[in-house]
């Protein structure tokens, strides 16, 4: 499982002209799932993400977590994170999980985040989405399990 995390001041996702998710301060997560992923990867990443200390404290140091700041998450399914561009000019997406497997784990991952007390907004799995964000910092991390 691979997640690109972007700390944001605000973000939203639109599907077919309708906003399906919108947050203020928090994280935008681009979530990619591969064939071997299971609930274990979801649990590990959910715990890691909500506890990452990447928000500034009063001294200006990255020392506060999403839980500490009462931030929210905008979670976007993103199979293209498993695009292999090593050969040719067109990415190969064979490492991305089949939609029926990925969708179950994507929804479970979001549920685990919610169970940790985090507001979670989403796009629509498998849809074409327009994601808008104001990146804070910018702070962008890639997490993988």
N, C-alpha and C. Protein backbone atom coordinates (compact mmCIF):
# COMPACT_ATOMS: atom_id res chain seq x y z
N UNK A 1 0.86 -1.16 0.00
CA UNK A 1 0.00 0.00 0.00
C UNK A 1 0.90 1.22 0.00
N UNK A 2 0.56 2.18 -0.79
CA UNK A 2 1.36 3.39 -0.96
C UNK A 2 0.44 4.60 -0.79
N UNK A 3 0.88 5.56 0.03
CA UNK A 3 0.11 6.78 0.26
C UNK A 3 1.00 7.99 0.06
N UNK A 4 0.55 8.91 -0.76
CA UNK A 4 1.19 10.21 -0.87
C UNK A 4 0.38 11.15 0.01
N UNK A 5 1.03 11.70 1.02
CA UNK A 5 0.39 12.56 2.00
C UNK A 5 0.82 13.99 1.75
N UNK A 6 -0.14 14.89 1.64
CA UNK A 6 0.16 16.31 1.49
C UNK A 6 -0.54 17.07 2.61
N UNK A 7 0.25 17.79 3.39
CA UNK A 7 -0.34 18.63 4.44
C UNK A 7 -1.00 19.81 3.74
N UNK A 8 -2.23 20.12 4.13
CA UNK A 8 -2.95 21.17 3.42
C UNK A 8 -3.62 22.16 4.37
N UNK A 9 -3.87 23.34 3.82
CA UNK A 9 -4.66 24.36 4.52
C UNK A 9 -6.14 24.18 4.22
N UNK A 10 -6.43 23.68 3.03
CA UNK A 10 -7.80 23.33 2.63
C UNK A 10 -7.72 22.49 1.37
N UNK A 11 -8.76 21.68 1.15
CA UNK A 11 -8.79 20.83 -0.04
C UNK A 11 -10.21 20.38 -0.32
N UNK A 12 -10.44 20.03 -1.59
CA UNK A 12 -11.75 19.50 -1.97
C UNK A 12 -11.59 18.59 -3.18
N UNK A 13 -12.59 17.75 -3.38
CA UNK A 13 -12.63 16.87 -4.54
C UNK A 13 -14.00 17.00 -5.19
N UNK A 14 -13.98 17.08 -6.52
CA UNK A 14 -15.20 17.25 -7.30
C UNK A 14 -15.33 16.09 -8.29
N UNK A 15 -16.53 15.53 -8.37
CA UNK A 15 -16.84 14.46 -9.33
C UNK A 15 -18.06 14.92 -10.13
N UNK A 16 -17.89 14.98 -11.45
CA UNK A 16 -18.97 15.40 -12.35
C UNK A 16 -19.62 16.71 -11.91
N UNK A 17 -18.78 17.65 -11.51
CA UNK A 17 -19.26 18.98 -11.14
C UNK A 17 -19.79 19.11 -9.72
N UNK A 18 -19.82 18.02 -8.96
CA UNK A 18 -20.32 18.05 -7.59
C UNK A 18 -19.19 17.81 -6.60
N UNK A 19 -19.10 18.66 -5.58
CA UNK A 19 -18.09 18.47 -4.53
C UNK A 19 -18.54 17.28 -3.69
N UNK A 20 -17.68 16.24 -3.62
CA UNK A 20 -18.00 15.05 -2.84
C UNK A 20 -17.27 15.03 -1.50
N UNK A 21 -16.24 15.87 -1.37
CA UNK A 21 -15.50 15.96 -0.13
C UNK A 21 -14.76 17.27 -0.04
N UNK A 22 -14.71 17.82 1.18
CA UNK A 22 -14.06 19.11 1.39
C UNK A 22 -13.57 19.18 2.82
N UNK A 23 -12.33 19.66 3.02
CA UNK A 23 -11.78 19.81 4.37
C UNK A 23 -11.07 21.14 4.49
N UNK A 24 -10.85 21.55 5.73
CA UNK A 24 -9.96 22.66 6.01
C UNK A 24 -8.60 22.05 6.33
N UNK A 25 -7.93 22.49 7.36
CA UNK A 25 -6.59 22.02 7.67
C UNK A 25 -6.53 20.51 7.87
N UNK A 26 -5.49 19.89 7.33
CA UNK A 26 -5.29 18.46 7.52
C UNK A 26 -4.42 17.87 6.44
N UNK A 27 -4.81 16.69 5.98
CA UNK A 27 -4.04 15.95 4.98
C UNK A 27 -4.90 15.60 3.78
N UNK A 28 -4.30 15.69 2.60
CA UNK A 28 -4.83 15.04 1.42
C UNK A 28 -4.03 13.76 1.26
N UNK A 29 -4.72 12.64 1.16
CA UNK A 29 -4.08 11.35 0.98
C UNK A 29 -4.44 10.79 -0.39
N UNK A 30 -3.43 10.50 -1.20
CA UNK A 30 -3.60 9.76 -2.44
C UNK A 30 -3.25 8.32 -2.09
N UNK A 31 -4.21 7.42 -2.23
CA UNK A 31 -4.08 6.06 -1.69
C UNK A 31 -4.03 5.05 -2.82
N UNK A 32 -2.90 4.34 -2.92
CA UNK A 32 -2.73 3.29 -3.91
C UNK A 32 -2.63 1.93 -3.23
N UNK A 33 -3.26 0.94 -3.84
CA UNK A 33 -3.30 -0.41 -3.26
C UNK A 33 -2.81 -1.40 -4.31
N UNK A 34 -1.97 -2.33 -3.85
CA UNK A 34 -1.44 -3.36 -4.74
C UNK A 34 -2.03 -4.72 -4.36
N UNK A 35 -1.74 -5.75 -5.14
CA UNK A 35 -2.36 -7.06 -5.01
C UNK A 35 -2.16 -7.71 -3.65
N UNK A 36 -0.98 -7.57 -3.07
CA UNK A 36 -0.66 -8.27 -1.82
C UNK A 36 -1.18 -7.57 -0.58
N UNK A 37 -1.73 -6.39 -0.72
CA UNK A 37 -2.16 -5.62 0.44
C UNK A 37 -3.33 -6.29 1.15
N UNK A 38 -3.35 -6.07 2.49
CA UNK A 38 -4.40 -6.63 3.32
C UNK A 38 -4.79 -5.60 4.38
N UNK A 39 -5.64 -5.99 5.28
CA UNK A 39 -6.06 -5.08 6.34
C UNK A 39 -4.86 -4.67 7.21
N UNK A 40 -3.84 -5.50 7.32
CA UNK A 40 -2.65 -5.16 8.12
C UNK A 40 -2.01 -3.87 7.61
N UNK A 41 -1.86 -3.72 6.32
CA UNK A 41 -1.28 -2.51 5.75
C UNK A 41 -2.17 -1.31 6.06
N UNK A 42 -3.47 -1.50 5.96
CA UNK A 42 -4.41 -0.41 6.26
C UNK A 42 -4.27 0.04 7.70
N UNK A 43 -4.20 -0.91 8.62
CA UNK A 43 -4.09 -0.58 10.04
C UNK A 43 -2.79 0.15 10.34
N UNK A 44 -1.68 -0.36 9.80
CA UNK A 44 -0.38 0.26 10.07
C UNK A 44 -0.34 1.69 9.55
N UNK A 45 -0.79 1.89 8.30
CA UNK A 45 -0.75 3.22 7.71
C UNK A 45 -1.73 4.18 8.39
N UNK A 46 -2.91 3.73 8.75
CA UNK A 46 -3.86 4.61 9.44
C UNK A 46 -3.26 5.11 10.76
N UNK A 47 -2.66 4.21 11.52
CA UNK A 47 -2.04 4.60 12.79
C UNK A 47 -0.86 5.55 12.56
N UNK A 48 -0.04 5.24 11.59
CA UNK A 48 1.13 6.08 11.28
C UNK A 48 0.68 7.49 10.89
N UNK A 49 -0.30 7.57 10.01
CA UNK A 49 -0.73 8.86 9.46
C UNK A 49 -1.31 9.78 10.53
N UNK A 50 -2.21 9.27 11.36
CA UNK A 50 -2.85 10.15 12.35
C UNK A 50 -1.89 10.59 13.44
N UNK A 51 -0.79 9.86 13.61
CA UNK A 51 0.17 10.19 14.67
C UNK A 51 1.46 10.86 14.17
N UNK A 52 1.61 11.03 12.85
CA UNK A 52 2.80 11.71 12.33
C UNK A 52 2.86 13.14 12.87
N UNK A 53 3.98 13.50 13.41
CA UNK A 53 4.13 14.84 13.98
C UNK A 53 4.73 15.76 12.92
N UNK A 54 3.86 16.31 12.08
CA UNK A 54 4.34 17.17 10.99
C UNK A 54 3.62 18.52 10.94
N UNK A 55 2.93 18.85 12.05
CA UNK A 55 2.37 20.19 12.18
C UNK A 55 3.21 20.95 13.20
N UNK A 56 3.36 22.25 12.98
CA UNK A 56 4.24 23.05 13.83
C UNK A 56 3.63 23.29 15.21
N UNK A 57 4.51 23.28 16.22
CA UNK A 57 4.10 23.65 17.56
C UNK A 57 4.35 25.15 17.75
N UNK A 58 4.21 25.64 18.97
CA UNK A 58 4.38 27.08 19.23
C UNK A 58 5.80 27.57 18.95
N UNK A 59 6.77 26.66 18.97
CA UNK A 59 8.16 27.02 18.70
C UNK A 59 8.51 26.90 17.22
N UNK A 60 7.53 26.55 16.39
CA UNK A 60 7.77 26.43 14.95
C UNK A 60 8.38 25.10 14.53
N UNK A 61 8.43 24.12 15.43
CA UNK A 61 8.98 22.80 15.13
C UNK A 61 7.85 21.85 14.74
N UNK A 62 8.13 20.95 13.79
CA UNK A 62 7.15 19.92 13.44
C UNK A 62 7.07 18.96 14.61
N UNK A 63 6.03 19.15 15.43
CA UNK A 63 5.95 18.39 16.67
C UNK A 63 4.51 18.02 17.04
N UNK A 64 3.55 18.36 16.18
CA UNK A 64 2.15 18.08 16.48
C UNK A 64 1.55 17.17 15.40
N UNK A 65 0.66 16.30 15.83
CA UNK A 65 0.04 15.33 14.92
C UNK A 65 -1.32 15.83 14.44
N UNK A 66 -1.90 15.07 13.53
CA UNK A 66 -3.25 15.37 13.05
C UNK A 66 -4.25 15.32 14.21
N UNK A 67 -4.07 14.36 15.09
CA UNK A 67 -4.93 14.26 16.27
C UNK A 67 -4.78 15.50 17.14
N UNK A 68 -3.53 15.93 17.37
CA UNK A 68 -3.27 17.11 18.21
C UNK A 68 -3.94 18.36 17.65
N UNK A 69 -3.96 18.49 16.33
CA UNK A 69 -4.47 19.71 15.69
C UNK A 69 -5.95 19.60 15.32
N UNK A 70 -6.54 18.43 15.56
CA UNK A 70 -7.94 18.17 15.19
C UNK A 70 -8.18 18.42 13.70
N UNK A 71 -7.18 18.02 12.91
CA UNK A 71 -7.28 18.16 11.46
C UNK A 71 -8.13 17.06 10.85
N UNK A 72 -8.39 17.20 9.56
CA UNK A 72 -9.22 16.27 8.82
C UNK A 72 -8.42 15.64 7.68
N UNK A 73 -9.02 14.66 7.03
CA UNK A 73 -8.38 13.97 5.91
C UNK A 73 -9.31 13.99 4.70
N UNK A 74 -8.73 14.29 3.54
CA UNK A 74 -9.40 14.09 2.27
C UNK A 74 -8.67 12.92 1.61
N UNK A 75 -9.35 11.78 1.49
CA UNK A 75 -8.75 10.54 1.00
C UNK A 75 -9.23 10.28 -0.43
N UNK A 76 -8.26 10.09 -1.33
CA UNK A 76 -8.54 9.91 -2.75
C UNK A 76 -7.92 8.59 -3.22
N UNK A 77 -8.72 7.71 -3.78
CA UNK A 77 -8.17 6.46 -4.33
C UNK A 77 -7.33 6.81 -5.56
N UNK A 78 -6.17 6.15 -5.70
CA UNK A 78 -5.21 6.56 -6.72
C UNK A 78 -4.41 5.36 -7.23
N UNK A 79 -5.01 4.57 -8.10
CA UNK A 79 -4.31 3.39 -8.61
C UNK A 79 -3.05 3.75 -9.38
N UNK A 80 -2.95 4.97 -9.91
CA UNK A 80 -1.78 5.35 -10.70
C UNK A 80 -0.51 5.44 -9.87
N UNK A 81 -0.61 5.38 -8.54
CA UNK A 81 0.60 5.33 -7.70
C UNK A 81 1.40 4.07 -7.96
N UNK A 82 0.75 3.08 -8.55
CA UNK A 82 1.45 1.84 -8.89
C UNK A 82 1.75 1.74 -10.38
N UNK A 83 1.80 2.87 -11.06
CA UNK A 83 2.20 2.90 -12.46
C UNK A 83 3.70 2.70 -12.60
N UNK A 84 4.10 1.75 -13.41
CA UNK A 84 5.50 1.47 -13.67
C UNK A 84 5.88 2.12 -15.00
N UNK A 85 6.81 3.07 -14.93
CA UNK A 85 7.22 3.83 -16.11
C UNK A 85 8.62 3.48 -16.58
N UNK A 86 9.14 2.31 -16.17
CA UNK A 86 10.51 1.97 -16.52
C UNK A 86 10.70 1.62 -17.98
N UNK A 87 9.67 1.08 -18.63
CA UNK A 87 9.79 0.70 -20.03
C UNK A 87 8.78 1.45 -20.87
N UNK A 88 9.17 1.82 -22.05
CA UNK A 88 8.24 2.45 -22.98
C UNK A 88 7.80 3.84 -22.53
N UNK A 89 6.74 4.32 -23.13
CA UNK A 89 6.23 5.66 -22.86
C UNK A 89 4.86 5.65 -22.20
N UNK A 90 4.27 4.48 -22.08
CA UNK A 90 2.97 4.36 -21.44
C UNK A 90 3.15 3.59 -20.13
N UNK A 91 2.64 4.13 -19.01
CA UNK A 91 2.79 3.42 -17.73
C UNK A 91 2.08 2.06 -17.76
N UNK A 92 2.66 1.12 -17.05
CA UNK A 92 2.09 -0.20 -16.87
C UNK A 92 1.47 -0.23 -15.46
N UNK A 93 0.20 -0.56 -15.38
CA UNK A 93 -0.50 -0.54 -14.09
C UNK A 93 -0.75 -1.93 -13.54
N UNK A 94 0.03 -2.92 -13.96
CA UNK A 94 -0.17 -4.30 -13.52
C UNK A 94 0.06 -4.48 -12.02
N UNK A 95 0.81 -3.58 -11.39
CA UNK A 95 1.06 -3.70 -9.96
C UNK A 95 -0.08 -3.14 -9.11
N UNK A 96 -1.01 -2.41 -9.72
CA UNK A 96 -2.18 -1.92 -8.99
C UNK A 96 -3.16 -3.08 -8.79
N UNK A 97 -3.78 -3.10 -7.61
CA UNK A 97 -4.75 -4.15 -7.31
C UNK A 97 -5.96 -4.02 -8.23
N UNK A 98 -6.61 -5.14 -8.47
CA UNK A 98 -7.87 -5.14 -9.21
C UNK A 98 -8.88 -4.30 -8.42
N UNK A 99 -9.77 -3.60 -9.13
CA UNK A 99 -10.71 -2.71 -8.45
C UNK A 99 -11.52 -3.37 -7.33
N UNK A 100 -11.95 -4.61 -7.52
CA UNK A 100 -12.77 -5.26 -6.49
C UNK A 100 -12.00 -5.48 -5.19
N UNK A 101 -10.70 -5.72 -5.27
CA UNK A 101 -9.85 -5.87 -4.08
C UNK A 101 -9.51 -4.49 -3.50
N UNK A 102 -9.12 -3.58 -4.37
CA UNK A 102 -8.69 -2.25 -3.92
C UNK A 102 -9.83 -1.49 -3.24
N UNK A 103 -11.02 -1.58 -3.78
CA UNK A 103 -12.13 -0.81 -3.21
C UNK A 103 -12.44 -1.24 -1.79
N UNK A 104 -12.42 -2.52 -1.52
CA UNK A 104 -12.68 -3.02 -0.16
C UNK A 104 -11.64 -2.47 0.80
N UNK A 105 -10.37 -2.54 0.43
CA UNK A 105 -9.31 -2.06 1.33
C UNK A 105 -9.32 -0.54 1.46
N UNK A 106 -9.63 0.16 0.39
CA UNK A 106 -9.71 1.62 0.45
C UNK A 106 -10.79 2.05 1.45
N UNK A 107 -11.96 1.44 1.37
CA UNK A 107 -13.04 1.79 2.31
C UNK A 107 -12.67 1.38 3.74
N UNK A 108 -12.00 0.25 3.91
CA UNK A 108 -11.58 -0.19 5.25
C UNK A 108 -10.56 0.79 5.82
N UNK A 109 -9.62 1.22 5.02
CA UNK A 109 -8.61 2.20 5.45
C UNK A 109 -9.29 3.47 5.94
N UNK A 110 -10.25 3.98 5.18
CA UNK A 110 -10.96 5.19 5.58
C UNK A 110 -11.74 4.98 6.86
N UNK A 111 -12.33 3.79 7.02
CA UNK A 111 -13.06 3.48 8.25
C UNK A 111 -12.13 3.46 9.46
N UNK A 112 -10.95 2.90 9.29
CA UNK A 112 -9.97 2.88 10.38
C UNK A 112 -9.56 4.29 10.79
N UNK A 113 -9.40 5.18 9.83
CA UNK A 113 -9.10 6.58 10.15
C UNK A 113 -10.23 7.21 10.95
N UNK A 114 -11.46 6.95 10.54
CA UNK A 114 -12.63 7.48 11.24
C UNK A 114 -12.71 6.94 12.67
N UNK A 115 -12.37 5.67 12.83
CA UNK A 115 -12.39 5.06 14.16
C UNK A 115 -11.37 5.69 15.10
N UNK A 116 -10.38 6.36 14.56
CA UNK A 116 -9.39 7.07 15.36
C UNK A 116 -9.83 8.51 15.67
N UNK A 117 -11.07 8.83 15.31
CA UNK A 117 -11.63 10.13 15.63
C UNK A 117 -11.37 11.21 14.60
N UNK A 118 -10.96 10.82 13.40
CA UNK A 118 -10.62 11.77 12.36
C UNK A 118 -11.80 11.96 11.42
N UNK A 119 -12.08 13.22 11.06
CA UNK A 119 -13.07 13.49 10.01
C UNK A 119 -12.43 13.08 8.69
N UNK A 120 -13.10 12.22 7.93
CA UNK A 120 -12.58 11.74 6.65
C UNK A 120 -13.59 12.05 5.56
N UNK A 121 -13.14 12.78 4.56
CA UNK A 121 -13.94 13.06 3.36
C UNK A 121 -13.29 12.31 2.21
N UNK A 122 -14.07 11.96 1.19
CA UNK A 122 -13.52 11.17 0.08
C UNK A 122 -14.08 11.64 -1.26
N UNK A 123 -13.44 11.13 -2.28
CA UNK A 123 -13.98 11.22 -3.62
C UNK A 123 -14.87 10.01 -3.83
N UNK A 124 -14.99 9.56 -5.06
CA UNK A 124 -15.75 8.35 -5.38
C UNK A 124 -14.79 7.36 -6.02
N UNK A 125 -14.69 6.18 -5.43
CA UNK A 125 -13.75 5.17 -5.91
C UNK A 125 -13.96 4.91 -7.40
N UNK A 126 -12.89 4.97 -8.16
CA UNK A 126 -12.92 4.65 -9.59
C UNK A 126 -13.40 5.77 -10.50
N UNK A 127 -13.85 6.87 -9.93
CA UNK A 127 -14.37 7.98 -10.75
C UNK A 127 -13.23 8.90 -11.18
N UNK A 128 -13.49 9.66 -12.23
CA UNK A 128 -12.58 10.74 -12.61
C UNK A 128 -12.84 11.88 -11.63
N UNK A 129 -11.79 12.37 -11.00
CA UNK A 129 -11.95 13.37 -9.94
C UNK A 129 -11.05 14.57 -10.20
N UNK A 130 -11.54 15.72 -9.80
CA UNK A 130 -10.73 16.94 -9.78
C UNK A 130 -10.44 17.24 -8.32
N UNK A 131 -9.15 17.25 -7.98
CA UNK A 131 -8.74 17.49 -6.60
C UNK A 131 -8.08 18.86 -6.53
N UNK A 132 -8.54 19.66 -5.59
CA UNK A 132 -8.02 21.01 -5.41
C UNK A 132 -7.49 21.11 -3.99
N UNK A 133 -6.26 21.65 -3.84
CA UNK A 133 -5.73 21.82 -2.49
C UNK A 133 -4.79 23.00 -2.42
N UNK A 134 -4.69 23.52 -1.23
CA UNK A 134 -3.65 24.49 -0.92
C UNK A 134 -2.68 23.75 -0.01
N UNK A 135 -1.53 23.39 -0.59
CA UNK A 135 -0.51 22.62 0.13
C UNK A 135 0.13 23.53 1.17
N UNK A 136 0.25 23.05 2.38
CA UNK A 136 0.79 23.81 3.50
C UNK A 136 2.26 23.46 3.68
N UNK A 137 3.13 24.38 3.37
CA UNK A 137 4.57 24.17 3.57
C UNK A 137 5.39 24.49 2.33
N UNK A 138 5.37 23.69 1.32
CA UNK A 138 4.64 22.44 1.18
C UNK A 138 5.30 21.30 1.95
N UNK A 139 4.46 20.45 2.50
CA UNK A 139 4.91 19.22 3.15
C UNK A 139 4.25 18.07 2.41
N UNK A 140 5.06 17.23 1.78
CA UNK A 140 4.58 16.07 1.03
C UNK A 140 5.45 14.88 1.39
N UNK A 141 4.82 13.78 1.80
CA UNK A 141 5.53 12.57 2.19
C UNK A 141 4.95 11.38 1.44
N UNK A 142 5.79 10.38 1.19
CA UNK A 142 5.35 9.13 0.61
C UNK A 142 5.53 8.06 1.68
N UNK A 143 4.42 7.38 2.02
CA UNK A 143 4.45 6.31 3.00
C UNK A 143 4.11 5.01 2.30
N UNK A 144 4.81 3.95 2.69
CA UNK A 144 4.56 2.67 2.03
C UNK A 144 4.71 1.56 3.04
N UNK A 145 3.84 0.59 2.91
CA UNK A 145 3.91 -0.58 3.81
C UNK A 145 3.65 -1.82 2.99
